[in-house]
Each structure stands twice: as C-alpha cells, then as structure tokens.
C-alpha cells in the first residue's frame, strides 16, 4: 500500500473492524498482552513517583531524586529505537518474553535495593524494558492483527496510560502509607510474570517479519545521538540558571537534527525511509511529537494542585490524572469516528489541546477556590481529550506506511520512539518554564499558557496529515480499499 496515496479510503480501511472483532476469542489474548505491557510501563511511572519519598527516607540518596526519573526515561528512549531489529531477530514472542523478563528483573532489583545506586540500576533496566514494551505494542499490532483493527487496537493500547495514571498513584500511595514501598515493586514483578506467561500461547501464530526485509542491524549511531539528546534535555530540567538551561536545550535540538540526518542516510534506521519522501508520514510523526510534548504538562499538575490549590497529596494526584482521563475518553470515542470525520478530528486536535491548557493556565492563582480548581480539572480533561481524539488515527496511519513488511514494522516501532523523545523534550521544557516563572503561580501560568501557544502552532502540521491526493482520488480509493473483518 503506497503511502503517497493515503486518503479517505485508507481511513476507511483502518477503521473497518469493530470492538467486537477486536475483543473476540481470536484477538483477545494478543490485545491483552499488548495492552498489558503498556499498562505495566505506565503504572510503573506513577507508582514510582508515589513511592519515591518513602524510599528515599529509608535508603537515602535524596540528591539523586530527579535521576530516578531521568535514568528511566533515557533508557526507555534508547531501547525504543531497537524494537524493529529485535522483532526481526526474535519475532514477537521472543521480543515480548525478553522485554517482560527484563522488566521483572529490574523491578525486583528496585524492590531489594539497599541504596540509591542500586535503585538507579534497577530503574535503568526497568526503563529499557519499558521502552521495548511501549514500542512492541504498536509494532505487533501491525504484525499480528488485521489492518481493520489497527485503529481500535491502538486506542485500547494507548488507553492503558489512563489506567496507569489511576492505578499507579492509588496503589503507590497505599503501599507508601503502610510503609511497604518494597512490596509495591514486588507486586508489580508478580503481575509482570503473570502477563509474560500468556505470551507463548497467544503469540505463537503472530507473523514474524522477514529478517532480510526487517533489517536486524541496530542503528548504533542514531541510538547514541538520540540518547545524548535525551540526556541533555533531562539535564536542562534540573538546572536553575536560564543561560545554562537554554544552552543544554539548544544542544539537544542540534542533536535531534543530527539524529534525523544520520537516520536518513543510515541503512539501519529508527525511522522508516518513507518519512523522507513526499508523503504525509513526516506530518504524522510531527503531530504525534506536538501532542506528546503537550502531554508532559501533567508532570506539574499535582505539584501546583498542592501549592496553589492546597490539596492533599491524594487529591492532587487525582487532579493530575484528569489529563489522562480525558485522553482515554477522547481515544475511545474517536476510535469509532466516521470515515470522513477523521481528517477534521486530527486537524483540530492541537487547537483543542491548546484551549484546555489555556483555560487551566489563566485560572492559576494561590488559594484557588473549589470552583477554580474544578475549572483546572475541566481544562486538563479537555487537554487530554484533544490528544486522545487524534492519537489512534495517527498511530494507525503511521503503521500503514507501506506494504513492505520492514517499512510497516519500522513505522509502527517509531511511534513510541517519537513519543518518548518528544516527551523527554517536553519534560525539559516544562522544567524551564516553571523555573522561569519564579513563584508557583507565575510558574504555573507560564507553563500552561506557554505550552498552549506552542501546541496551537502544531495545527500547521496536523492539517497536512490527510492532504494527500485530490479529493477524487481519495473518493476512488474509498471505494476500492474498504475491508470487512469477519464476525
């Protein structure tokens, strides 16, 4: 399927299957493993955030507090870039067993860590395994499920971030309150082993990409440059002086540009070669990047909930979950959108996100009333819904890059790579905005309004996603490419 002729027909093909088709006996096991992997990754992010204060009290290492997240994020970005060659080498079953096994080992290391240095080592292993799980989900959707189910499978998989956002803070808070933070990691390891036990049974018939086409070479130089860029952005978020922040972020941008140049010329690449041709794929990835950057605003929502809204830690945690709630609801509703509505949905998504962030930003003030906090929550729900309404369609479109198995697999795996590196950039920018603001109120306003302005500019790329071919060509393809999934 040539991506240069992507249009309404392709949208119809991607959305042809229903929820019943996705969740019947033939596909349910596969979807459970894919969604379960992402749920583990997401839950672990928020679980650790809730447990870390208690862990630091016991094992020390407070000056390395921020690096617990930094190490995890850098390892995730690095691992996500090797998903495609890993699939070519081990196939879906072997790749998932490796990822789940590593995640369980890393989690157990965190559970028994006697000091911060061991905890950081465990987080690095967790991050690498989590990056694989996030990337494998989209890549194996591409390999193991009918094309008509890709949009809903992408929506269900991404919705696991909503699950993790609720389960992580709740479970972490309870275990921390009981003084059992190590047991929380142990519980996560047990769940990981349980999901891993399903893999040999549900992925036995999943398609393994042809090794010659998939290319089992690791993109070493791209990987090193991308890791360095993520490290610089993470470091920028830890700085207190503006010149040093700006220098680190500028260096990170240069490295991202260098990564694109290297990847374009490398035989072993992270991004599919089609992204550099005259087709919408570059706009799809750029729109994903814009939305991923916007999502990192949620990092500071609980913080400002406590500082400005004087909420309890638990209440502030659930305020932070409102963005993920909106994301999940937006995805589940949008996944069933009518064919001719999809292009408009994707085009306006950044504007919806910007509106939500702006609403929350202009109402930030110290001693906020219940009504004002309710408006914050509404703004964050709208922000999440704007991301969610476009996400499954963008993911399914990226997976439809080509009939060539290597290009489709690379295009699917690159979704998570783009999301993770953009998230790293967004986290760094969030830290810069908050530090520039000085006080909590001004930092909150600058963060949310500043992100709103940036994301609004993303409309320039989102409107170009479905501009491929004339209207008549799109209509013709609509009649030719519709796919029916047997019930």
Protein backbone atom coordinates (compact mmCIF):
# COMPACT_ATOMS: atom_id res chain seq x y z
CA UNK A 1 0.00 0.00 0.00
CA UNK A 2 1.67 3.20 -1.14
CA UNK A 3 1.55 5.91 1.49
CA UNK A 4 1.73 8.67 -1.06
CA UNK A 5 -1.85 7.97 -1.98
CA UNK A 6 -3.09 7.90 1.59
CA UNK A 7 -6.58 9.33 1.86
CA UNK A 8 -10.16 8.69 2.82
CA UNK A 9 -10.02 5.14 1.53
CA UNK A 10 -7.15 4.34 3.83
CA UNK A 11 -9.03 5.79 6.78
CA UNK A 12 -11.99 3.55 5.98
CA UNK A 13 -9.71 0.52 5.73
CA UNK A 14 -8.05 1.25 9.05
CA UNK A 15 -11.34 1.66 10.85
CA UNK A 16 -13.26 -1.20 9.26
CA UNK A 17 -13.28 -3.56 12.27
CA UNK A 18 -15.46 -3.11 15.35
CA UNK A 19 -14.81 -3.52 19.07
CA UNK A 20 -16.44 -6.95 18.99
CA UNK A 21 -13.96 -8.07 16.33
CA UNK A 22 -11.05 -6.84 18.43
CA UNK A 23 -12.20 -8.44 21.69
CA UNK A 24 -13.36 -11.82 20.42
CA UNK A 25 -11.56 -15.06 21.30
CA UNK A 26 -9.11 -14.90 18.40
CA UNK A 27 -7.71 -11.46 19.18
CA UNK A 28 -8.38 -11.01 22.90
CA UNK A 29 -5.24 -12.80 24.07
CA UNK A 30 -2.99 -10.78 21.76
CA UNK A 31 -4.59 -7.50 22.80
CA UNK A 32 -4.27 -8.44 26.48
CA UNK A 33 -0.51 -8.95 26.15
CA UNK A 34 -0.01 -5.76 24.12
CA UNK A 35 -2.17 -3.59 26.38
CA UNK A 36 -0.79 -5.28 29.49
CA UNK A 37 2.76 -4.33 28.54
CA UNK A 38 1.85 -0.67 28.12
CA UNK A 39 -0.20 -0.74 31.34
CA UNK A 40 2.84 -2.05 33.24
CA UNK A 41 5.02 0.69 31.78
CA UNK A 42 2.50 3.43 32.60
CA UNK A 43 1.64 2.12 36.07
CA UNK A 44 5.32 1.87 36.96
CA UNK A 45 5.88 5.55 36.09
CA UNK A 46 3.21 6.80 38.51
CA UNK A 47 3.75 4.06 41.10
CA UNK A 48 7.40 5.01 41.49
CA UNK A 49 6.55 8.71 41.78
CA UNK A 50 4.27 7.89 44.73
CA UNK A 51 6.76 5.54 46.40
CA UNK A 52 9.95 7.56 45.98
CA UNK A 53 9.59 9.89 49.01
CA UNK A 54 9.23 6.87 51.31
CA UNK A 55 12.08 5.04 49.59
CA UNK A 56 14.45 7.99 49.97
CA UNK A 57 13.72 8.22 53.69
CA UNK A 58 14.84 4.59 54.09
CA UNK A 59 17.74 4.25 51.63
CA UNK A 60 18.93 7.86 51.32
CA UNK A 61 20.24 9.47 48.15
CA UNK A 62 17.95 12.49 48.12
CA UNK A 63 20.35 14.47 45.93
CA UNK A 64 19.79 11.87 43.19
CA UNK A 65 16.00 12.13 43.48
CA UNK A 66 15.43 13.55 40.00
CA UNK A 67 17.70 10.96 38.40
CA UNK A 68 15.31 8.17 39.30
CA UNK A 69 13.08 9.52 36.52
CA UNK A 70 15.93 10.70 34.30
CA UNK A 71 17.64 7.31 34.12
CA UNK A 72 14.33 5.59 33.41
CA UNK A 73 13.43 8.00 30.60
CA UNK A 74 16.82 7.85 28.88
CA UNK A 75 16.85 4.05 28.97
CA UNK A 76 13.31 3.99 27.54
CA UNK A 77 14.21 6.24 24.62
CA UNK A 78 17.30 4.17 23.85
CA UNK A 79 15.50 0.84 23.95
CA UNK A 80 12.59 2.03 21.82
CA UNK A 81 14.98 2.56 18.89
CA UNK A 82 15.89 -1.16 18.70
CA UNK A 83 12.35 -2.54 18.59
CA UNK A 84 12.36 -3.12 14.83
CA UNK A 85 15.69 -5.06 14.68
CA UNK A 86 14.69 -7.01 17.79
CA UNK A 87 11.50 -8.13 16.09
CA UNK A 88 13.48 -9.17 13.00
CA UNK A 89 15.80 -11.23 15.18
CA UNK A 90 13.47 -12.77 17.77
CA UNK A 91 9.95 -12.33 16.44
CA UNK A 92 7.03 -11.02 18.53
CA UNK A 93 7.06 -13.92 21.02
CA UNK A 94 10.79 -13.80 21.73
CA UNK A 95 10.84 -10.00 21.89
CA UNK A 96 7.98 -9.86 24.38
CA UNK A 97 9.47 -12.58 26.58
CA UNK A 98 12.75 -10.67 26.67
CA UNK A 99 11.02 -7.39 27.49
CA UNK A 100 8.78 -8.82 30.22
CA UNK A 101 11.71 -10.77 31.70
CA UNK A 102 13.91 -7.68 31.85
CA UNK A 103 11.09 -5.62 33.34
CA UNK A 104 10.55 -8.20 36.09
CA UNK A 105 14.27 -8.32 36.88
CA UNK A 106 14.58 -4.53 37.02
CA UNK A 107 11.52 -4.28 39.25
CA UNK A 108 12.89 -6.88 41.67
CA UNK A 109 16.20 -5.00 41.83
CA UNK A 110 14.26 -1.89 42.85
CA UNK A 111 12.38 -3.90 45.47
CA UNK A 112 15.55 -5.12 47.21
CA UNK A 113 17.72 -2.02 46.65
CA UNK A 114 19.84 -1.29 49.75
CA UNK A 115 20.82 2.15 48.46
CA UNK A 116 20.11 4.72 45.78
CA UNK A 117 22.85 3.42 43.46
CA UNK A 118 21.16 0.02 43.24
CA UNK A 119 17.74 1.61 42.82
CA UNK A 120 19.06 3.64 39.87
CA UNK A 121 20.46 0.47 38.30
CA UNK A 122 17.08 -1.21 38.65
CA UNK A 123 15.36 1.82 37.13
CA UNK A 124 17.71 1.70 34.14
CA UNK A 125 16.74 -1.93 33.48
CA UNK A 126 13.07 -1.10 34.02
CA UNK A 127 13.32 1.82 31.61
CA UNK A 128 14.96 -0.23 28.88
CA UNK A 129 12.36 -2.97 29.22
CA UNK A 130 9.56 -0.39 29.37
CA UNK A 131 10.77 1.25 26.17
CA UNK A 132 10.64 -2.15 24.47
CA UNK A 133 7.13 -2.83 25.77
CA UNK A 134 5.87 0.56 24.58
CA UNK A 135 7.40 0.13 21.13
CA UNK A 136 6.46 -3.51 20.70
CA UNK A 137 2.80 -2.76 21.29
CA UNK A 138 2.41 -0.75 18.08
CA UNK A 139 4.80 -2.93 16.08
CA UNK A 140 3.00 -6.17 16.98
CA UNK A 141 -0.41 -4.61 16.29
CA UNK A 142 0.97 -4.15 12.80
CA UNK A 143 2.14 -7.79 12.60
CA UNK A 144 -0.46 -9.79 14.50
CA UNK A 145 -3.82 -8.10 13.93
CA UNK A 146 -5.90 -7.49 10.78
CA UNK A 147 -5.45 -3.98 9.40
CA UNK A 148 -9.10 -3.12 10.01
CA UNK A 149 -8.48 -3.43 13.77
CA UNK A 150 -5.40 -1.22 14.00
CA UNK A 151 -7.20 1.99 14.99
CA UNK A 152 -9.16 0.42 17.85
CA UNK A 153 -6.20 -1.67 18.99
CA UNK A 154 -4.07 1.49 19.08
CA UNK A 155 -6.78 3.28 21.05
CA UNK A 156 -7.10 0.44 23.56
CA UNK A 157 -3.35 0.14 23.98
CA UNK A 158 -2.84 3.88 24.47
CA UNK A 159 -5.77 3.97 26.89
CA UNK A 160 -3.64 1.91 29.27
CA UNK A 161 -1.88 5.15 30.15
CA UNK A 162 -5.18 6.24 31.67
CA UNK A 163 -5.31 3.01 33.66
CA UNK A 164 -1.74 3.51 34.85
CA UNK A 165 -2.44 7.09 35.87
CA UNK A 166 -5.19 5.97 38.21
CA UNK A 167 -3.76 2.66 39.45
CA UNK A 168 -0.19 3.91 39.93
CA UNK A 169 -0.87 6.80 42.35
CA UNK A 170 -3.58 4.87 44.21
CA UNK A 171 -1.52 1.70 44.74
CA UNK A 172 1.70 3.62 45.37
CA UNK A 173 0.04 5.89 47.89
CA UNK A 174 -1.43 2.99 49.83
CA UNK A 175 1.80 0.97 49.94
CA UNK A 176 3.75 4.09 50.93
CA UNK A 177 1.25 4.91 53.67
CA UNK A 178 1.62 1.37 55.05
CA UNK A 179 5.43 1.61 54.90
CA UNK A 180 5.61 -1.21 52.34
CA UNK A 181 7.14 0.50 49.31
CA UNK A 182 9.30 -2.56 48.54
CA UNK A 183 6.21 -4.74 48.39
CA UNK A 184 4.72 -2.48 45.74
CA UNK A 185 7.61 -3.26 43.41
CA UNK A 186 7.28 -6.94 44.31
CA UNK A 187 3.59 -6.89 43.37
CA UNK A 188 4.44 -5.28 40.04
CA UNK A 189 7.02 -8.01 39.35
CA UNK A 190 4.46 -10.74 40.04
CA UNK A 191 1.94 -9.15 37.65
CA UNK A 192 4.66 -8.89 35.02
CA UNK A 193 5.42 -12.60 35.26
CA UNK A 194 1.69 -13.38 35.01
CA UNK A 195 1.30 -11.46 31.75
CA UNK A 196 4.54 -12.92 30.40
CA UNK A 197 3.15 -16.41 30.96
CA UNK A 198 0.48 -15.70 28.34
CA UNK A 199 2.95 -14.79 25.61
CA UNK A 200 3.87 -18.31 24.35
CA UNK A 201 0.18 -19.14 23.93
CA UNK A 202 -1.22 -16.01 22.29
CA UNK A 203 1.69 -15.01 20.05
CA UNK A 204 2.56 -18.44 18.67
CA UNK A 205 0.91 -17.66 15.32
CA UNK A 206 1.88 -14.00 15.12
CA UNK A 207 3.73 -13.09 11.97
CA UNK A 208 7.49 -12.79 12.24
CA UNK A 209 8.92 -10.16 9.90
CA UNK A 210 11.27 -11.41 7.24
CA UNK A 211 14.75 -10.84 8.65
CA UNK A 212 16.13 -9.72 5.32
CA UNK A 213 13.43 -7.11 4.95
CA UNK A 214 13.15 -6.06 8.59
CA UNK A 215 16.85 -5.49 8.90
CA UNK A 216 18.26 -6.85 12.14
CA UNK A 217 21.02 -4.27 12.42
CA UNK A 218 20.93 -1.99 15.43
CA UNK A 219 21.01 1.72 14.45
CA UNK A 220 24.03 2.38 16.67
CA UNK A 221 24.84 5.97 15.70
CA UNK A 222 21.20 7.05 15.70
CA UNK A 223 20.81 5.40 19.09
CA UNK A 224 23.84 7.17 20.58
CA UNK A 225 22.83 10.60 19.28
CA UNK A 226 19.22 10.19 20.41
CA UNK A 227 20.34 9.06 23.88
CA UNK A 228 22.65 12.05 24.15
CA UNK A 229 19.82 14.40 23.17
CA UNK A 230 17.51 12.89 25.79
CA UNK A 231 20.26 13.21 28.41
CA UNK A 232 20.78 16.89 27.64
CA UNK A 233 17.07 17.64 27.86
CA UNK A 234 16.79 15.78 31.15
CA UNK A 235 19.78 17.73 32.49
CA UNK A 236 18.24 21.03 31.34
CA UNK A 237 15.21 20.39 33.50
CA UNK A 238 17.46 20.15 36.56
CA UNK A 239 19.22 23.49 36.08
CA UNK A 240 18.39 26.71 37.90
CA UNK A 241 20.13 29.24 35.63
CA UNK A 242 18.48 30.31 32.39
CA UNK A 243 21.63 30.55 30.22
CA UNK A 244 22.68 27.02 31.12
CA UNK A 245 19.15 25.71 30.52
CA UNK A 246 18.98 27.38 27.13
CA UNK A 247 22.41 26.07 26.15
CA UNK A 248 21.53 22.49 27.03
CA UNK A 249 18.18 22.64 25.23
CA UNK A 250 19.77 24.20 22.14
CA UNK A 251 22.40 21.47 22.11
CA UNK A 252 19.64 18.86 22.41
CA UNK A 253 17.80 20.36 19.42
CA UNK A 254 21.02 20.23 17.39
CA UNK A 255 21.45 16.57 18.30
CA UNK A 256 17.86 15.78 17.28
CA UNK A 257 18.52 17.39 13.90
CA UNK A 258 21.75 15.40 13.65
CA UNK A 259 19.79 12.25 14.50
CA UNK A 260 17.39 12.88 11.62
CA UNK A 261 20.30 13.48 9.22
CA UNK A 262 22.09 10.30 10.33
CA UNK A 263 18.92 8.24 10.24
CA UNK A 264 18.15 9.39 6.73
CA UNK A 265 21.49 8.13 5.43
CA UNK A 266 21.84 5.01 7.55
CA UNK A 267 20.94 1.51 6.31
CA UNK A 268 19.90 0.60 9.87
CA UNK A 269 17.44 3.33 10.77
CA UNK A 270 14.98 4.19 13.51
CA UNK A 271 12.51 5.98 11.23
CA UNK A 272 11.12 4.41 8.06
CA UNK A 273 12.68 5.72 4.85
CA UNK A 274 9.24 6.82 3.67
CA UNK A 275 9.31 9.65 6.21
CA UNK A 276 11.79 11.48 3.99
CA UNK A 277 9.71 11.09 0.82
CA UNK A 278 6.84 13.28 -0.42
CA UNK A 279 4.06 11.83 1.70
CA UNK A 280 2.17 12.61 4.94
CA UNK A 281 4.28 10.39 7.22
CA UNK A 282 6.54 13.24 8.32
CA UNK A 283 3.45 15.25 9.29
CA UNK A 284 2.03 12.29 11.20
CA UNK A 285 5.18 11.98 13.30
CA UNK A 286 5.39 15.73 13.83
CA UNK A 287 1.77 15.82 15.02
CA UNK A 288 2.50 12.91 17.38
CA UNK A 289 5.50 14.88 18.65
CA UNK A 290 3.42 18.02 19.27
CA UNK A 291 0.81 16.08 21.23
CA UNK A 292 3.46 14.17 23.20
CA UNK A 293 5.14 17.42 24.23
CA UNK A 294 1.78 18.80 25.38
CA UNK A 295 1.10 15.73 27.50
CA UNK A 296 4.14 16.47 29.66
CA UNK A 297 2.30 19.42 31.21
CA UNK A 298 0.73 16.84 33.51
CA UNK A 299 4.09 16.37 35.26
CA UNK A 300 3.49 19.51 37.35
CA UNK A 301 -0.28 19.28 37.83
CA UNK A 302 -0.11 17.53 41.24
CA UNK A 303 2.64 19.94 42.37
CA UNK A 304 0.57 23.02 41.60
CA UNK A 305 -2.53 21.32 42.98
CA UNK A 306 -0.81 21.19 46.36
CA UNK A 307 0.97 24.56 46.19
CA UNK A 308 -1.82 26.70 44.72
CA UNK A 309 -4.95 24.70 45.43
CA UNK A 310 -3.76 23.46 48.86
CA UNK A 311 -5.00 19.97 48.01
CA UNK A 312 -3.95 16.86 49.89
CA UNK A 313 -1.37 14.65 48.12
CA UNK A 314 -4.04 12.12 47.19
CA UNK A 315 -6.43 14.77 45.83
CA UNK A 316 -3.59 16.46 43.92
CA UNK A 317 -2.62 13.10 42.46
CA UNK A 318 -6.10 12.56 41.11
CA UNK A 319 -6.15 16.12 39.75
CA UNK A 320 -3.06 15.11 37.80
CA UNK A 321 -4.95 12.10 36.49
CA UNK A 322 -7.60 14.27 34.81
CA UNK A 323 -5.45 14.77 31.70
CA UNK A 324 -5.02 11.02 31.26
CA UNK A 325 -8.75 10.54 31.90
CA UNK A 326 -9.57 12.96 29.10
CA UNK A 327 -7.01 11.25 26.85
CA UNK A 328 -8.62 7.85 27.44
CA UNK A 329 -12.17 9.08 26.88
CA UNK A 330 -11.13 11.00 23.78
CA UNK A 331 -9.47 7.92 22.31
CA UNK A 332 -12.31 5.52 22.96
CA UNK A 333 -14.88 7.86 21.41
CA UNK A 334 -12.73 8.96 18.50
CA UNK A 335 -11.76 5.43 17.53
CA UNK A 336 -15.34 4.96 16.29
CA UNK A 337 -15.42 8.23 14.33
CA UNK A 338 -16.97 8.20 10.88
CA UNK A 339 -14.58 7.95 7.95
CA UNK A 340 -15.00 11.49 6.66
CA UNK A 341 -14.74 12.94 10.17
CA UNK A 342 -11.26 11.61 10.91
CA UNK A 343 -9.30 14.19 8.92
CA UNK A 344 -11.11 17.05 10.68
CA UNK A 345 -10.61 15.42 14.08
CA UNK A 346 -6.85 15.13 13.57
CA UNK A 347 -6.57 18.63 12.10
CA UNK A 348 -8.19 20.41 15.07
CA UNK A 349 -6.69 18.26 17.83
CA UNK A 350 -3.80 20.64 18.68
CA UNK A 351 -6.27 23.55 18.89
CA UNK A 352 -8.42 21.59 21.36
CA UNK A 353 -5.33 20.78 23.44
CA UNK A 354 -4.29 24.44 23.41
CA UNK A 355 -7.76 25.55 24.53
CA UNK A 356 -7.67 23.20 27.52
CA UNK A 357 -4.19 24.30 28.59
CA UNK A 358 -5.08 27.98 28.20
CA UNK A 359 -8.22 27.55 30.33
CA UNK A 360 -6.23 25.92 33.11
CA UNK A 361 -3.37 28.38 32.80
CA UNK A 362 -5.25 31.66 33.08
CA UNK A 363 -7.03 30.48 36.23
CA UNK A 364 -3.90 29.56 38.19
CA UNK A 365 -3.65 31.51 41.45
CA UNK A 366 -2.71 30.90 45.06
CA UNK A 367 -5.57 29.91 47.33
CA UNK A 368 -7.76 28.81 44.43
CA UNK A 369 -11.43 28.16 45.22
CA UNK A 370 -13.18 24.85 44.65
CA UNK A 371 -14.82 26.29 41.53
CA UNK A 372 -11.46 27.40 40.14
CA UNK A 373 -9.91 24.01 40.83
CA UNK A 374 -12.89 22.45 39.08
CA UNK A 375 -12.11 24.65 36.05
CA UNK A 376 -8.49 23.50 36.18
CA UNK A 377 -9.71 19.91 36.06
CA UNK A 378 -12.03 20.71 33.16
CA UNK A 379 -9.15 22.32 31.26
CA UNK A 380 -6.94 19.28 31.80
CA UNK A 381 -9.71 16.91 30.70
CA UNK A 382 -10.13 18.95 27.51
CA UNK A 383 -6.36 18.85 27.00
CA UNK A 384 -6.30 15.07 27.31
CA UNK A 385 -9.33 14.67 25.08
CA UNK A 386 -7.62 16.73 22.38
CA UNK A 387 -4.64 14.37 22.46
CA UNK A 388 -6.78 11.24 22.60
CA UNK A 389 -9.11 12.20 19.75
CA UNK A 390 -6.21 12.19 17.27
CA UNK A 391 -3.86 9.58 18.72
CA UNK A 392 -5.36 6.27 17.48
CA UNK A 393 -5.77 7.61 13.94
CA UNK A 394 -2.21 8.91 13.86
CA UNK A 395 -0.86 5.60 15.18
CA UNK A 396 -2.84 3.55 12.67
CA UNK A 397 -1.75 5.85 9.84
CA UNK A 398 1.92 5.50 10.74
CA UNK A 399 1.57 1.71 10.72
CA UNK A 400 0.16 1.84 7.18
CA UNK A 401 3.28 3.31 5.66
CA UNK A 402 3.85 0.54 3.14
CA UNK A 403 3.06 -2.99 2.07
CA UNK A 404 6.75 -3.68 2.64
CA UNK A 405 6.99 -5.51 5.98
CA UNK A 406 10.17 -3.76 7.03
CA UNK A 407 8.74 -0.29 6.42
CA UNK A 408 5.47 -1.09 8.20
CA UNK A 409 7.30 -2.58 11.17
CA UNK A 410 9.73 0.32 11.39
CA UNK A 411 6.90 2.82 11.03
CA UNK A 412 4.99 1.15 13.87
CA UNK A 413 8.01 0.90 16.19
CA UNK A 414 8.94 4.53 15.51
CA UNK A 415 5.64 5.73 17.02
CA UNK A 416 6.93 5.09 20.54
CA UNK A 417 10.39 6.44 19.71
CA UNK A 418 8.88 9.72 18.53
CA UNK A 419 6.58 9.82 21.56
CA UNK A 420 9.37 9.13 24.06
CA UNK A 421 11.92 11.59 22.68
CA UNK A 422 9.21 14.25 22.36
CA UNK A 423 8.13 13.52 25.92
CA UNK A 424 11.73 13.98 27.07
CA UNK A 425 11.88 17.31 25.27
CA UNK A 426 8.52 18.32 26.75
CA UNK A 427 9.63 17.42 30.27
CA UNK A 428 12.73 19.56 29.90
CA UNK A 429 10.74 22.48 28.53
CA UNK A 430 8.23 22.17 31.37
CA UNK A 431 11.04 22.46 33.89
CA UNK A 432 12.42 25.51 32.09
CA UNK A 433 9.02 27.28 32.06
CA UNK A 434 8.41 26.58 35.75
CA UNK A 435 11.86 27.79 36.76
CA UNK A 436 11.48 30.91 34.64
CA UNK A 437 8.23 31.73 36.40
CA UNK A 438 9.90 32.05 39.78
CA UNK A 439 6.87 31.82 42.08
CA UNK A 440 4.47 28.88 41.97
CA UNK A 441 1.67 30.98 40.50
CA UNK A 442 3.74 32.55 37.73
CA UNK A 443 5.47 29.23 37.02
CA UNK A 444 2.09 27.52 36.57
CA UNK A 445 0.74 30.27 34.35
CA UNK A 446 3.87 30.34 32.20
CA UNK A 447 3.90 26.55 31.88
CA UNK A 448 0.30 26.02 30.82
CA UNK A 449 -0.15 29.16 28.71
CA UNK A 450 3.28 28.75 27.15
CA UNK A 451 2.53 25.15 26.23
CA UNK A 452 -0.84 26.25 24.85
CA UNK A 453 0.85 28.69 22.47
CA UNK A 454 3.39 26.07 21.34
CA UNK A 455 0.77 23.39 20.76
CA UNK A 456 -1.50 25.79 18.88
CA UNK A 457 1.31 26.20 16.36
CA UNK A 458 1.04 22.44 15.82
CA UNK A 459 -2.11 22.98 13.77
CA UNK A 460 0.25 23.88 10.92
CA UNK A 461 1.42 20.25 10.77
CA UNK A 462 -1.80 18.47 11.81
CA UNK A 463 -3.81 19.91 8.89
CA UNK A 464 -1.31 18.39 6.47
CA UNK A 465 -1.67 14.80 7.70
CA UNK A 466 -4.53 13.89 5.35
CA UNK A 467 -3.65 16.20 2.47
CA UNK A 468 -2.54 13.53 0.03
CA UNK A 469 -4.05 13.28 -3.44
CA UNK A 470 -7.03 15.04 -4.86
CA UNK A 471 -10.49 14.67 -3.45
CA UNK A 472 -11.50 12.49 -6.36
CA UNK A 473 -8.53 10.17 -5.80
CA UNK A 474 -9.47 9.83 -2.14
CA UNK A 475 -13.05 9.04 -3.03
CA UNK A 476 -11.95 6.44 -5.55
CA UNK A 477 -9.72 4.76 -3.00
CA UNK A 478 -12.56 4.79 -0.51
CA UNK A 479 -14.49 2.51 -2.77
CA UNK A 480 -11.53 0.28 -3.57
CA UNK A 481 -9.93 -0.29 -0.16
CA UNK A 482 -12.76 -0.89 2.27
CA UNK A 483 -12.06 -4.03 4.26
CA UNK A 484 -14.57 -6.21 6.06
CA UNK A 485 -13.48 -8.12 9.13
CA UNK A 486 -15.37 -11.43 9.51
CA UNK A 487 -17.53 -11.60 12.57
